[in-house]
Amino acid sequence: MVYALALARDIVQQAIAADDTEPWAYLAQAMIAFATRDNVLATAAISQAVAINPNSAFAHGQLGLAHANGGARRTPFLASTTPSD
């Protein structure tokens, strides 16, 4: 798998170098970043894809996933709320 990710990373870099206005190249970069748990790169790559094509529902959905995966709350959401009496 390491070889495949390295190869994919190289191909994505070539795609971005060839046409840096193609949002799918950045989305591919984000998929590799997700696979290597590099959420900072994933968020940046998807943000670039959204900036290029703000009408892409897929890119917006992936950006939401990146934000959800990147959130590292110390306590679960429900544990941080208290019932009103």
C-alpha atoms as a PDB file:
ATOM      1  CA  MET A   1       0.000   0.000   0.000  1.00  0.00           C
ATOM      2  CA  VAL A   2       2.887   2.366   0.696  1.00  0.00           C
ATOM      3  CA  TYR A   3       4.079   2.070  -2.915  1.00  0.00           C
ATOM      4  CA  ALA A   4       0.567   2.693  -4.247  1.00  0.00           C
ATOM      5  CA  LEU A   5       0.134   5.823  -2.125  1.00  0.00           C
ATOM      6  CA  ALA A   6       3.539   7.154  -3.176  1.00  0.00           C
ATOM      7  CA  LEU A   7       2.711   6.526  -6.825  1.00  0.00           C
ATOM      8  CA  ALA A   8      -0.705   8.156  -6.450  1.00  0.00           C
ATOM      9  CA  ARG A   9       0.864  11.155  -4.726  1.00  0.00           C
ATOM     10  CA  ASP A  10       3.313  11.588  -7.620  1.00  0.00           C
ATOM     11  CA  ILE A  11       0.556  11.323 -10.235  1.00  0.00           C
ATOM     12  CA  VAL A  12      -1.615  13.845  -8.410  1.00  0.00           C
ATOM     13  CA  GLN A  13       1.296  16.288  -8.218  1.00  0.00           C
ATOM     14  CA  GLN A  14       1.769  15.893 -11.970  1.00  0.00           C
ATOM     15  CA  ALA A  15      -1.936  16.513 -12.551  1.00  0.00           C
ATOM     16  CA  ILE A  16      -1.894  19.670 -10.435  1.00  0.00           C
ATOM     17  CA  ALA A  17       1.262  20.885 -12.201  1.00  0.00           C
ATOM     18  CA  ALA A  18      -0.377  20.255 -15.582  1.00  0.00           C
ATOM     19  CA  ASP A  19      -3.603  22.108 -14.722  1.00  0.00           C
ATOM     20  CA  ASP A  20      -3.965  23.799 -11.362  1.00  0.00           C
ATOM     21  CA  THR A  21      -7.529  24.862 -12.193  1.00  0.00           C
ATOM     22  CA  GLU A  22      -8.849  21.287 -12.212  1.00  0.00           C
ATOM     23  CA  PRO A  23     -10.738  20.681  -8.940  1.00  0.00           C
ATOM     24  CA  TRP A  24     -10.671  16.874  -9.330  1.00  0.00           C
ATOM     25  CA  ALA A  25      -6.883  16.872  -9.017  1.00  0.00           C
ATOM     26  CA  TYR A  26      -7.192  18.540  -5.621  1.00  0.00           C
ATOM     27  CA  LEU A  27      -9.946  16.135  -4.603  1.00  0.00           C
ATOM     28  CA  ALA A  28      -7.655  13.242  -5.540  1.00  0.00           C
ATOM     29  CA  GLN A  29      -4.934  14.837  -3.428  1.00  0.00           C
ATOM     30  CA  ALA A  30      -7.394  14.980  -0.548  1.00  0.00           C
ATOM     31  CA  MET A  31      -8.250  11.279  -0.906  1.00  0.00           C
ATOM     32  CA  ILE A  32      -4.568  10.421  -0.571  1.00  0.00           C
ATOM     33  CA  ALA A  33      -4.337  12.729   2.438  1.00  0.00           C
ATOM     34  CA  PHE A  34      -7.344  10.991   4.015  1.00  0.00           C
ATOM     35  CA  ALA A  35      -5.652   7.623   3.434  1.00  0.00           C
ATOM     36  CA  THR A  36      -2.518   8.829   5.206  1.00  0.00           C
ATOM     37  CA  ARG A  37      -4.508  10.631   7.919  1.00  0.00           C
ATOM     38  CA  ASP A  38      -3.105  14.026   6.942  1.00  0.00           C
ATOM     39  CA  ASN A  39      -6.195  16.069   7.704  1.00  0.00           C
ATOM     40  CA  VAL A  40      -4.423  19.409   7.284  1.00  0.00           C
ATOM     41  CA  LEU A  41      -3.522  18.575   3.676  1.00  0.00           C
ATOM     42  CA  ALA A  42      -6.968  17.073   3.037  1.00  0.00           C
ATOM     43  CA  THR A  43      -8.711  20.219   4.244  1.00  0.00           C
ATOM     44  CA  ALA A  44      -6.399  22.488   2.246  1.00  0.00           C
ATOM     45  CA  ALA A  45      -6.778  20.450  -0.944  1.00  0.00           C
ATOM     46  CA  ILE A  46     -10.563  20.282  -0.693  1.00  0.00           C
ATOM     47  CA  SER A  47     -10.748  23.985   0.120  1.00  0.00           C
ATOM     48  CA  GLN A  48      -8.824  24.644  -3.095  1.00  0.00           C
ATOM     49  CA  ALA A  49     -11.263  22.448  -5.040  1.00  0.00           C
ATOM     50  CA  VAL A  50     -14.204  24.378  -3.576  1.00  0.00           C
ATOM     51  CA  ALA A  51     -12.528  27.695  -4.421  1.00  0.00           C
ATOM     52  CA  ILE A  52     -12.109  26.543  -8.032  1.00  0.00           C
ATOM     53  CA  ASN A  53     -15.652  25.176  -8.321  1.00  0.00           C
ATOM     54  CA  PRO A  54     -17.947  26.510  -5.585  1.00  0.00           C
ATOM     55  CA  ASN A  55     -20.903  24.706  -7.213  1.00  0.00           C
ATOM     56  CA  SER A  56     -19.446  21.243  -6.547  1.00  0.00           C
ATOM     57  CA  ALA A  57     -21.719  19.538  -4.048  1.00  0.00           C
ATOM     58  CA  PHE A  58     -19.259  16.648  -3.844  1.00  0.00           C
ATOM     59  CA  ALA A  59     -16.389  18.968  -2.880  1.00  0.00           C
ATOM     60  CA  HIS A  60     -18.523  20.661  -0.225  1.00  0.00           C
ATOM     61  CA  GLY A  61     -19.486  17.254   1.182  1.00  0.00           C
ATOM     62  CA  GLN A  62     -15.843  16.173   1.304  1.00  0.00           C
ATOM     63  CA  LEU A  63     -14.927  19.433   3.027  1.00  0.00           C
ATOM     64  CA  GLY A  64     -17.530  18.672   5.670  1.00  0.00           C
ATOM     65  CA  LEU A  65     -15.985  15.226   6.179  1.00  0.00           C
ATOM     66  CA  ALA A  66     -12.525  16.752   6.470  1.00  0.00           C
ATOM     67  CA  HIS A  67     -13.756  19.143   9.132  1.00  0.00           C
ATOM     68  CA  ALA A  68     -15.553  16.329  10.955  1.00  0.00           C
ATOM     69  CA  ASN A  69     -12.477  14.079  10.848  1.00  0.00           C
ATOM     70  CA  GLY A  70     -10.195  16.895  11.912  1.00  0.00           C
ATOM     71  CA  GLY A  71     -12.214  17.795  14.965  1.00  0.00           C
ATOM     72  CA  ALA A  72     -10.571  16.399  18.057  1.00  0.00           C
ATOM     73  CA  ARG A  73     -12.931  17.167  20.893  1.00  0.00           C
ATOM     74  CA  ARG A  74     -11.623  16.169  24.288  1.00  0.00           C
ATOM     75  CA  THR A  75     -15.091  15.220  25.486  1.00  0.00           C
ATOM     76  CA  PRO A  76     -18.018  13.750  23.579  1.00  0.00           C
ATOM     77  CA  PHE A  77     -20.644  16.307  22.583  1.00  0.00           C
ATOM     78  CA  LEU A  78     -23.369  14.812  24.757  1.00  0.00           C
ATOM     79  CA  ALA A  79     -21.093  14.655  27.786  1.00  0.00           C
ATOM     80  CA  SER A  80     -20.428  18.382  27.511  1.00  0.00           C
ATOM     81  CA  THR A  81     -24.101  19.339  27.774  1.00  0.00           C
ATOM     82  CA  THR A  82     -26.108  19.406  30.967  1.00  0.00           C
ATOM     83  CA  PRO A  83     -29.849  18.895  31.245  1.00  0.00           C
ATOM     84  CA  SER A  84     -31.922  21.935  32.153  1.00  0.00           C
ATOM     85  CA  ASP A  85     -33.814  21.598  35.436  1.00  0.00           C
END
